[in-house]
């Protein structure tokens, strides 16, 4: 076995073993935020990512619904966007069922 074969087989195995249990609906808000560029108007974020389903402590929600509850017309940075979304949805463990 060559060095490249070993590297390829190691890359195929997950770095962290995933546990058994139910899937978590939605995606982390940080993942959605990473796909955007800043500064961004709220209306532009809703147009680009409004159909994304995000994880919240109460279960999955559409980002468009979350942003509709926000009064911020412009997000200057990624951290401002994440903070604003977390103010609407709350922080805490994500529901798994």
PDB file of N, CA and C in Angstrom:
ATOM      1  N   UNK A   1       0.840  -1.164   0.000  1.00  0.00           N
ATOM      2  CA  UNK A   1       0.000   0.000   0.000  1.00  0.00           C
ATOM      3  C   UNK A   1       0.895   1.241   0.000  1.00  0.00           C
ATOM      4  N   UNK A   2       0.591   2.188  -0.852  1.00  0.00           N
ATOM      5  CA  UNK A   2       1.407   3.396  -0.941  1.00  0.00           C
ATOM      6  C   UNK A   2       0.923   4.438   0.060  1.00  0.00           C
ATOM      7  N   UNK A   3       1.709   5.504   0.188  1.00  0.00           N
ATOM      8  CA  UNK A   3       1.340   6.583   1.090  1.00  0.00           C
ATOM      9  C   UNK A   3       0.039   7.248   0.680  1.00  0.00           C
ATOM     10  N   UNK A   4      -0.191   7.383  -0.618  1.00  0.00           N
ATOM     11  CA  UNK A   4      -1.427   8.030  -1.077  1.00  0.00           C
ATOM     12  C   UNK A   4      -2.634   7.159  -0.788  1.00  0.00           C
ATOM     13  N   UNK A   5      -2.492   5.827  -0.864  1.00  0.00           N
ATOM     14  CA  UNK A   5      -3.605   4.942  -0.534  1.00  0.00           C
ATOM     15  C   UNK A   5      -3.989   5.070   0.942  1.00  0.00           C
ATOM     16  N   UNK A   6      -2.976   5.181   1.811  1.00  0.00           N
ATOM     17  CA  UNK A   6      -3.249   5.344   3.233  1.00  0.00           C
ATOM     18  C   UNK A   6      -3.954   6.667   3.503  1.00  0.00           C
ATOM     19  N   UNK A   7      -3.514   7.719   2.859  1.00  0.00           N
ATOM     20  CA  UNK A   7      -4.122   9.038   3.053  1.00  0.00           C
ATOM     21  C   UNK A   7      -5.568   9.040   2.579  1.00  0.00           C
ATOM     22  N   UNK A   8      -5.837   8.367   1.463  1.00  0.00           N
ATOM     23  CA  UNK A   8      -7.203   8.316   0.943  1.00  0.00           C
ATOM     24  C   UNK A   8      -8.118   7.531   1.867  1.00  0.00           C
ATOM     25  N   UNK A   9      -7.622   6.393   2.430  1.00  0.00           N
ATOM     26  CA  UNK A   9      -8.466   5.597   3.310  1.00  0.00           C
ATOM     27  C   UNK A   9      -8.731   6.334   4.625  1.00  0.00           C
ATOM     28  N   UNK A  10      -7.756   7.110   5.117  1.00  0.00           N
ATOM     29  CA  UNK A  10      -7.970   7.894   6.327  1.00  0.00           C
ATOM     30  C   UNK A  10      -8.975   9.011   6.083  1.00  0.00           C
ATOM     31  N   UNK A  11      -8.963   9.610   4.906  1.00  0.00           N
ATOM     32  CA  UNK A  11      -9.869  10.701   4.590  1.00  0.00           C
ATOM     33  C   UNK A  11     -11.314  10.227   4.488  1.00  0.00           C
ATOM     34  N   UNK A  12     -11.528   8.958   4.158  1.00  0.00           N
ATOM     35  CA  UNK A  12     -12.872   8.431   4.008  1.00  0.00           C
ATOM     36  C   UNK A  12     -13.556   8.196   5.345  1.00  0.00           C
ATOM     37  N   UNK A  13     -12.791   7.966   6.402  1.00  0.00           N
ATOM     38  CA  UNK A  13     -13.358   7.730   7.713  1.00  0.00           C
ATOM     39  C   UNK A  13     -13.664   9.073   8.382  1.00  0.00           C
ATOM     40  N   UNK A  14     -14.790   9.179   9.090  1.00  0.00           N
ATOM     41  CA  UNK A  14     -15.097  10.461   9.754  1.00  0.00           C
ATOM     42  C   UNK A  14     -14.090  10.764  10.859  1.00  0.00           C
ATOM     43  N   UNK A  15     -13.784  12.037  11.024  1.00  0.00           N
ATOM     44  CA  UNK A  15     -12.827  12.453  12.047  1.00  0.00           C
ATOM     45  C   UNK A  15     -13.406  12.256  13.445  1.00  0.00           C
ATOM     46  N   UNK A  16     -14.724  12.403  13.567  1.00  0.00           N
ATOM     47  CA  UNK A  16     -15.400  12.224  14.846  1.00  0.00           C
ATOM     48  C   UNK A  16     -16.508  11.208  14.642  1.00  0.00           C
ATOM     49  N   UNK A  17     -16.581  10.254  15.532  1.00  0.00           N
ATOM     50  CA  UNK A  17     -17.626   9.235  15.441  1.00  0.00           C
ATOM     51  C   UNK A  17     -18.970   9.855  15.801  1.00  0.00           C
ATOM     52  N   UNK A  18     -19.944   9.728  14.918  1.00  0.00           N
ATOM     53  CA  UNK A  18     -21.270  10.277  15.178  1.00  0.00           C
ATOM     54  C   UNK A  18     -22.049   9.320  16.058  1.00  0.00           C
ATOM     55  N   UNK A  19     -22.845   9.867  16.946  1.00  0.00           N
ATOM     56  CA  UNK A  19     -23.613   9.052  17.866  1.00  0.00           C
ATOM     57  C   UNK A  19     -24.884   8.523  17.233  1.00  0.00           C
ATOM     58  N   UNK A  20     -25.482   7.593  17.930  1.00  0.00           N
ATOM     59  CA  UNK A  20     -26.766   7.053  17.515  1.00  0.00           C
ATOM     60  C   UNK A  20     -27.840   7.991  18.049  1.00  0.00           C
ATOM     61  N   UNK A  21     -28.884   8.167  17.331  1.00  0.00           N
ATOM     62  CA  UNK A  21     -29.958   9.017  17.812  1.00  0.00           C
ATOM     63  C   UNK A  21     -30.666   9.678  16.653  1.00  0.00           C
ATOM     64  N   UNK A  22     -31.689  10.443  16.969  1.00  0.00           N
ATOM     65  CA  UNK A  22     -32.475  11.081  15.909  1.00  0.00           C
ATOM     66  C   UNK A  22     -31.685  12.198  15.224  1.00  0.00           C
ATOM     67  N   UNK A  23     -32.013  12.408  13.958  1.00  0.00           N
ATOM     68  CA  UNK A  23     -31.417  13.515  13.219  1.00  0.00           C
ATOM     69  C   UNK A  23     -31.969  14.833  13.752  1.00  0.00           C
ATOM     70  N   UNK A  24     -31.186  15.877  13.603  1.00  0.00           N
ATOM     71  CA  UNK A  24     -31.617  17.212  14.014  1.00  0.00           C
ATOM     72  C   UNK A  24     -32.068  17.951  12.761  1.00  0.00           C
ATOM     73  N   UNK A  25     -33.292  18.442  12.785  1.00  0.00           N
ATOM     74  CA  UNK A  25     -33.845  19.135  11.620  1.00  0.00           C
ATOM     75  C   UNK A  25     -33.221  20.517  11.487  1.00  0.00           C
ATOM     76  N   UNK A  26     -33.053  20.953  10.260  1.00  0.00           N
ATOM     77  CA  UNK A  26     -32.517  22.288   9.995  1.00  0.00           C
ATOM     78  C   UNK A  26     -31.003  22.294   9.962  1.00  0.00           C
ATOM     79  N   UNK A  27     -30.462  23.507   9.803  1.00  0.00           N
ATOM     80  CA  UNK A  27     -29.017  23.664   9.782  1.00  0.00           C
ATOM     81  C   UNK A  27     -28.618  24.778  10.732  1.00  0.00           C
ATOM     82  N   UNK A  28     -27.388  24.737  11.227  1.00  0.00           N
ATOM     83  CA  UNK A  28     -26.957  25.785  12.158  1.00  0.00           C
ATOM     84  C   UNK A  28     -26.967  27.160  11.493  1.00  0.00           C
ATOM     85  N   UNK A  29     -27.302  28.187  12.250  1.00  0.00           N
ATOM     86  CA  UNK A  29     -27.337  29.539  11.698  1.00  0.00           C
ATOM     87  C   UNK A  29     -25.953  29.961  11.221  1.00  0.00           C
ATOM     88  N   UNK A  30     -24.900  29.452  11.848  1.00  0.00           N
ATOM     89  CA  UNK A  30     -23.538  29.787  11.422  1.00  0.00           C
ATOM     90  C   UNK A  30     -23.269  29.306   9.998  1.00  0.00           C
ATOM     91  N   UNK A  31     -23.837  28.176   9.618  1.00  0.00           N
ATOM     92  CA  UNK A  31     -23.661  27.675   8.250  1.00  0.00           C
ATOM     93  C   UNK A  31     -24.343  28.596   7.248  1.00  0.00           C
ATOM     94  N   UNK A  32     -25.540  29.044   7.582  1.00  0.00           N
ATOM     95  CA  UNK A  32     -26.255  29.974   6.702  1.00  0.00           C
ATOM     96  C   UNK A  32     -25.464  31.277   6.590  1.00  0.00           C
ATOM     97  N   UNK A  33     -24.989  31.778   7.723  1.00  0.00           N
ATOM     98  CA  UNK A  33     -24.236  33.032   7.742  1.00  0.00           C
ATOM     99  C   UNK A  33     -22.963  32.950   6.920  1.00  0.00           C
ATOM    100  N   UNK A  34     -22.353  31.776   6.867  1.00  0.00           N
ATOM    101  CA  UNK A  34     -21.103  31.626   6.112  1.00  0.00           C
ATOM    102  C   UNK A  34     -21.312  31.727   4.600  1.00  0.00           C
ATOM    103  N   UNK A  35     -22.537  31.542   4.140  1.00  0.00           N
ATOM    104  CA  UNK A  35     -22.819  31.631   2.706  1.00  0.00           C
ATOM    105  C   UNK A  35     -23.110  33.054   2.239  1.00  0.00           C
ATOM    106  N   UNK A  36     -23.186  33.993   3.167  1.00  0.00           N
ATOM    107  CA  UNK A  36     -23.542  35.372   2.843  1.00  0.00           C
ATOM    108  C   UNK A  36     -22.315  36.274   2.863  1.00  0.00           C
ATOM    109  N   UNK A  37     -22.453  37.457   2.250  1.00  0.00           N
ATOM    110  CA  UNK A  37     -21.394  38.464   2.309  1.00  0.00           C
ATOM    111  C   UNK A  37     -21.910  39.660   3.095  1.00  0.00           C
ATOM    112  N   UNK A  38     -21.002  40.369   3.730  1.00  0.00           N
ATOM    113  CA  UNK A  38     -21.374  41.437   4.648  1.00  0.00           C
ATOM    114  C   UNK A  38     -20.776  42.747   4.223  1.00  0.00           C
ATOM    115  N   UNK A  39     -21.443  43.877   4.444  1.00  0.00           N
ATOM    116  CA  UNK A  39     -22.765  44.037   5.041  1.00  0.00           C
ATOM    117  C   UNK A  39     -23.855  43.515   4.102  1.00  0.00           C
ATOM    118  N   UNK A  40     -25.013  43.208   4.683  1.00  0.00           N
ATOM    119  CA  UNK A  40     -26.128  42.670   3.896  1.00  0.00           C
ATOM    120  C   UNK A  40     -27.441  43.260   4.392  1.00  0.00           C
ATOM    121  N   UNK A  41     -28.277  43.667   3.460  1.00  0.00           N
ATOM    122  CA  UNK A  41     -29.618  44.135   3.814  1.00  0.00           C
ATOM    123  C   UNK A  41     -30.458  42.935   4.216  1.00  0.00           C
ATOM    124  N   UNK A  42     -31.351  43.155   5.151  1.00  0.00           N
ATOM    125  CA  UNK A  42     -32.238  42.088   5.599  1.00  0.00           C
ATOM    126  C   UNK A  42     -33.040  41.532   4.418  1.00  0.00           C
ATOM    127  N   UNK A  43     -33.500  42.420   3.543  1.00  0.00           N
ATOM    128  CA  UNK A  43     -34.283  41.977   2.383  1.00  0.00           C
ATOM    129  C   UNK A  43     -33.450  41.099   1.451  1.00  0.00           C
ATOM    130  N   UNK A  44     -32.151  41.404   1.313  1.00  0.00           N
ATOM    131  CA  UNK A  44     -31.284  40.576   0.480  1.00  0.00           C
ATOM    132  C   UNK A  44     -31.054  39.204   1.108  1.00  0.00           C
ATOM    133  N   UNK A  45     -30.882  39.181   2.434  1.00  0.00           N
ATOM    134  CA  UNK A  45     -30.702  37.906   3.134  1.00  0.00           C
ATOM    135  C   UNK A  45     -31.947  37.051   2.982  1.00  0.00           C
ATOM    136  N   UNK A  46     -33.117  37.680   3.111  1.00  0.00           N
ATOM    137  CA  UNK A  46     -34.372  36.940   2.953  1.00  0.00           C
ATOM    138  C   UNK A  46     -34.520  36.396   1.538  1.00  0.00           C
ATOM    139  N   UNK A  47     -34.085  37.170   0.539  1.00  0.00           N
ATOM    140  CA  UNK A  47     -34.178  36.710  -0.844  1.00  0.00           C
ATOM    141  C   UNK A  47     -33.215  35.555  -1.116  1.00  0.00           C
ATOM    142  N   UNK A  48     -32.006  35.632  -0.557  1.00  0.00           N
ATOM    143  CA  UNK A  48     -30.997  34.608  -0.817  1.00  0.00           C
ATOM    144  C   UNK A  48     -31.188  33.351   0.022  1.00  0.00           C
ATOM    145  N   UNK A  49     -31.493  33.512   1.306  1.00  0.00           N
ATOM    146  CA  UNK A  49     -31.503  32.382   2.230  1.00  0.00           C
ATOM    147  C   UNK A  49     -32.812  32.213   2.991  1.00  0.00           C
ATOM    148  N   UNK A  50     -33.841  32.954   2.626  1.00  0.00           N
ATOM    149  CA  UNK A  50     -35.107  32.901   3.357  1.00  0.00           C
ATOM    150  C   UNK A  50     -35.738  31.533   3.407  1.00  0.00           C
ATOM    151  N   UNK A  51     -35.471  30.697   2.401  1.00  0.00           N
ATOM    152  CA  UNK A  51     -36.056  29.359   2.386  1.00  0.00           C
ATOM    153  C   UNK A  51     -35.257  28.355   3.209  1.00  0.00           C
ATOM    154  N   UNK A  52     -34.139  28.789   3.798  1.00  0.00           N
ATOM    155  CA  UNK A  52     -33.328  27.900   4.633  1.00  0.00           C
ATOM    156  C   UNK A  52     -34.069  27.591   5.932  1.00  0.00           C
ATOM    157  N   UNK A  53     -33.953  26.371   6.380  1.00  0.00           N
ATOM    158  CA  UNK A  53     -34.527  25.952   7.651  1.00  0.00           C
ATOM    159  C   UNK A  53     -33.388  25.894   8.656  1.00  0.00           C
ATOM    160  N   UNK A  54     -33.532  26.643   9.761  1.00  0.00           N
ATOM    161  CA  UNK A  54     -32.469  26.712  10.757  1.00  0.00           C
ATOM    162  C   UNK A  54     -32.884  25.995  12.039  1.00  0.00           C
ATOM    163  N   UNK A  55     -31.877  25.598  12.804  1.00  0.00           N
ATOM    164  CA  UNK A  55     -32.112  24.934  14.084  1.00  0.00           C
ATOM    165  C   UNK A  55     -32.375  25.973  15.170  1.00  0.00           C
ATOM    166  N   UNK A  56     -33.368  25.699  15.989  1.00  0.00           N
ATOM    167  CA  UNK A  56     -33.665  26.566  17.127  1.00  0.00           C
ATOM    168  C   UNK A  56     -33.930  25.679  18.346  1.00  0.00           C
ATOM    169  N   UNK A  57     -33.910  26.247  19.543  1.00  0.00           N
ATOM    170  CA  UNK A  57     -34.221  25.449  20.728  1.00  0.00           C
ATOM    171  C   UNK A  57     -35.638  24.844  20.707  1.00  0.00           C
ATOM    172  N   UNK A  58     -36.553  25.468  19.990  1.00  0.00           N
ATOM    173  CA  UNK A  58     -37.930  24.953  19.912  1.00  0.00           C
ATOM    174  C   UNK A  58     -38.160  24.066  18.695  1.00  0.00           C
ATOM    175  N   UNK A  59     -37.131  23.800  17.919  1.00  0.00           N
ATOM    176  CA  UNK A  59     -37.272  23.004  16.707  1.00  0.00           C
ATOM    177  C   UNK A  59     -36.948  23.847  15.482  1.00  0.00           C
ATOM    178  N   UNK A  60     -36.988  23.228  14.331  1.00  0.00           N
ATOM    179  CA  UNK A  60     -36.608  23.900  13.085  1.00  0.00           C
ATOM    180  C   UNK A  60     -37.598  25.008  12.724  1.00  0.00           C
ATOM    181  N   UNK A  61     -37.052  26.117  12.181  1.00  0.00           N
ATOM    182  CA  UNK A  61     -37.875  27.246  11.711  1.00  0.00           C
ATOM    183  C   UNK A  61     -37.294  27.768  10.410  1.00  0.00           C
ATOM    184  N   UNK A  62     -38.164  28.338   9.576  1.00  0.00           N
ATOM    185  CA  UNK A  62     -37.701  28.974   8.350  1.00  0.00           C
ATOM    186  C   UNK A  62     -37.030  30.296   8.693  1.00  0.00           C
ATOM    187  N   UNK A  63     -35.894  30.550   8.072  1.00  0.00           N
ATOM    188  CA  UNK A  63     -35.165  31.789   8.327  1.00  0.00           C
ATOM    189  C   UNK A  63     -36.013  33.003   7.955  1.00  0.00           C
ATOM    190  N   UNK A  64     -36.816  32.910   6.911  1.00  0.00           N
ATOM    191  CA  UNK A  64     -37.661  34.023   6.496  1.00  0.00           C
ATOM    192  C   UNK A  64     -38.596  34.452   7.626  1.00  0.00           C
ATOM    193  N   UNK A  65     -39.173  33.487   8.339  1.00  0.00           N
ATOM    194  CA  UNK A  65     -40.067  33.800   9.457  1.00  0.00           C
ATOM    195  C   UNK A  65     -39.305  34.469  10.602  1.00  0.00           C
ATOM    196  N   UNK A  66     -38.094  34.014  10.843  1.00  0.00           N
ATOM    197  CA  UNK A  66     -37.275  34.587  11.909  1.00  0.00           C
ATOM    198  C   UNK A  66     -36.914  36.030  11.572  1.00  0.00           C
ATOM    199  N   UNK A  67     -36.492  36.269  10.322  1.00  0.00           N
ATOM    200  CA  UNK A  67     -36.100  37.613   9.920  1.00  0.00           C
ATOM    201  C   UNK A  67     -37.294  38.565   9.860  1.00  0.00           C
ATOM    202  N   UNK A  68     -38.487  38.038   9.638  1.00  0.00           N
ATOM    203  CA  UNK A  68     -39.691  38.878   9.633  1.00  0.00           C
ATOM    204  C   UNK A  68     -39.926  39.473  11.021  1.00  0.00           C
ATOM    205  N   UNK A  69     -39.480  38.781  12.057  1.00  0.00           N
ATOM    206  CA  UNK A  69     -39.637  39.271  13.425  1.00  0.00           C
ATOM    207  C   UNK A  69     -38.538  40.261  13.815  1.00  0.00           C
ATOM    208  N   UNK A  70     -37.529  40.391  12.979  1.00  0.00           N
ATOM    209  CA  UNK A  70     -36.423  41.309  13.259  1.00  0.00           C
ATOM    210  C   UNK A  70     -36.743  42.690  12.705  1.00  0.00           C
ATOM    211  N   UNK A  71     -36.321  43.721  13.429  1.00  0.00           N
ATOM    212  CA  UNK A  71     -36.539  45.089  12.966  1.00  0.00           C
ATOM    213  C   UNK A  71     -35.267  45.695  12.385  1.00  0.00           C
ATOM    214  N   UNK A  72     -34.218  44.910  12.235  1.00  0.00           N
ATOM    215  CA  UNK A  72     -32.935  45.396  11.750  1.00  0.00           C
ATOM    216  C   UNK A  72     -32.924  45.364  10.214  1.00  0.00           C
ATOM    217  N   UNK A  73     -32.825  46.523   9.540  1.00  0.00           N
ATOM    218  CA  UNK A  73     -32.846  46.540   8.073  1.00  0.00           C
ATOM    219  C   UNK A  73     -31.496  46.205   7.429  1.00  0.00           C
ATOM    220  N   UNK A  74     -30.399  46.294   8.211  1.00  0.00           N
ATOM    221  CA  UNK A  74     -29.063  46.071   7.662  1.00  0.00           C
ATOM    222  C   UNK A  74     -28.187  45.372   8.687  1.00  0.00           C
ATOM    223  N   UNK A  75     -27.532  44.313   8.254  1.00  0.00           N
ATOM    224  CA  UNK A  75     -26.585  43.599   9.102  1.00  0.00           C
ATOM    225  C   UNK A  75     -25.189  43.980   8.641  1.00  0.00           C
ATOM    226  N   UNK A  76     -24.443  44.673   9.511  1.00  0.00           N
ATOM    227  CA  UNK A  76     -23.106  45.145   9.160  1.00  0.00           C
ATOM    228  C   UNK A  76     -22.085  44.013   9.089  1.00  0.00           C
ATOM    229  N   UNK A  77     -22.305  42.953   9.883  1.00  0.00           N
ATOM    230  CA  UNK A  77     -21.330  41.861   9.939  1.00  0.00           C
ATOM    231  C   UNK A  77     -22.035  40.532  10.189  1.00  0.00           C
ATOM    232  N   UNK A  78     -21.274  39.469  10.014  1.00  0.00           N
ATOM    233  CA  UNK A  78     -21.793  38.128  10.264  1.00  0.00           C
ATOM    234  C   UNK A  78     -22.211  37.994  11.732  1.00  0.00           C
ATOM    235  N   UNK A  79     -21.381  38.509  12.633  1.00  0.00           N
ATOM    236  CA  UNK A  79     -21.697  38.380  14.058  1.00  0.00           C
ATOM    237  C   UNK A  79     -22.962  39.155  14.426  1.00  0.00           C
ATOM    238  N   UNK A  80     -23.184  40.307  13.795  1.00  0.00           N
ATOM    239  CA  UNK A  80     -24.410  41.067  14.050  1.00  0.00           C
ATOM    240  C   UNK A  80     -25.630  40.277  13.579  1.00  0.00           C
ATOM    241  N   UNK A  81     -25.515  39.626  12.430  1.00  0.00           N
ATOM    242  CA  UNK A  81     -26.600  38.801  11.899  1.00  0.00           C
ATOM    243  C   UNK A  81     -26.910  37.634  12.840  1.00  0.00           C
ATOM    244  N   UNK A  82     -25.881  36.914  13.246  1.00  0.00           N
ATOM    245  CA  UNK A  82     -26.071  35.758  14.132  1.00  0.00           C
ATOM    246  C   UNK A  82     -26.677  36.202  15.459  1.00  0.00           C
ATOM    247  N   UNK A  83     -26.190  37.308  16.012  1.00  0.00           N
ATOM    248  CA  UNK A  83     -26.722  37.827  17.274  1.00  0.00           C
ATOM    249  C   UNK A  83     -28.192  38.191  17.139  1.00  0.00           C
ATOM    250  N   UNK A  84     -28.546  38.853  16.053  1.00  0.00           N
ATOM    251  CA  UNK A  84     -29.944  39.252  15.827  1.00  0.00           C
ATOM    252  C   UNK A  84     -30.848  38.025  15.712  1.00  0.00           C
ATOM    253  N   UNK A  85     -30.410  37.026  14.965  1.00  0.00           N
ATOM    254  CA  UNK A  85     -31.206  35.802  14.824  1.00  0.00           C
ATOM    255  C   UNK A  85     -31.350  35.110  16.175  1.00  0.00           C
ATOM    256  N   UNK A  86     -30.264  35.039  16.944  1.00  0.00           N
ATOM    257  CA  UNK A  86     -30.326  34.384  18.252  1.00  0.00           C
ATOM    258  C   UNK A  86     -31.229  35.139  19.222  1.00  0.00           C
ATOM    259  N   UNK A  87     -31.342  36.464  19.082  1.00  0.00           N
ATOM    260  CA  UNK A  87     -32.263  37.226  19.919  1.00  0.00           C
ATOM    261  C   UNK A  87     -33.715  36.837  19.628  1.00  0.00           C
ATOM    262  N   UNK A  88     -33.997  36.505  18.382  1.00  0.00           N
ATOM    263  CA  UNK A  88     -35.357  36.114  18.001  1.00  0.00           C
ATOM    264  C   UNK A  88     -35.638  34.661  18.396  1.00  0.00           C
ATOM    265  N   UNK A  89     -34.702  33.752  18.109  1.00  0.00           N
ATOM    266  CA  UNK A  89     -34.952  32.320  18.334  1.00  0.00           C
ATOM    267  C   UNK A  89     -34.529  31.849  19.714  1.00  0.00           C
ATOM    268  N   UNK A  90     -33.663  32.605  20.373  1.00  0.00           N
ATOM    269  CA  UNK A  90     -33.143  32.192  21.672  1.00  0.00           C
ATOM    270  C   UNK A  90     -31.879  31.357  21.513  1.00  0.00           C
ATOM    271  N   UNK A  91     -31.225  31.128  22.632  1.00  0.00           N
ATOM    272  CA  UNK A  91     -30.015  30.298  22.657  1.00  0.00           C
ATOM    273  C   UNK A  91     -30.296  29.110  23.570  1.00  0.00           C
ATOM    274  N   UNK A  92     -29.664  28.013  23.264  1.00  0.00           N
ATOM    275  CA  UNK A  92     -29.823  26.847  24.124  1.00  0.00           C
ATOM    276  C   UNK A  92     -29.713  25.576  23.314  1.00  0.00           C
ATOM    277  N   UNK A  93     -29.898  24.457  23.975  1.00  0.00           N
ATOM    278  CA  UNK A  93     -29.815  23.170  23.275  1.00  0.00           C
ATOM    279  C   UNK A  93     -30.883  23.078  22.189  1.00  0.00           C
ATOM    280  N   UNK A  94     -30.528  22.421  21.118  1.00  0.00           N
ATOM    281  CA  UNK A  94     -31.442  22.260  19.989  1.00  0.00           C
ATOM    282  C   UNK A  94     -32.266  21.000  20.188  1.00  0.00           C
ATOM    283  N   UNK A  95     -33.557  21.113  19.964  1.00  0.00           N
ATOM    284  CA  UNK A  95     -34.447  19.966  20.092  1.00  0.00           C
ATOM    285  C   UNK A  95     -34.086  18.918  19.051  1.00  0.00           C
ATOM    286  N   UNK A  96     -34.066  17.637  19.468  1.00  0.00           N
ATOM    287  CA  UNK A  96     -33.712  16.563  18.545  1.00  0.00           C
ATOM    288  C   UNK A  96     -34.899  15.719  18.133  1.00  0.00           C
ATOM    289  N   UNK A  97     -36.043  15.959  18.706  1.00  0.00           N
ATOM    290  CA  UNK A  97     -37.211  15.151  18.344  1.00  0.00           C
ATOM    291  C   UNK A  97     -38.376  16.034  17.983  1.00  0.00           C
TER     292      UNK A  97
END
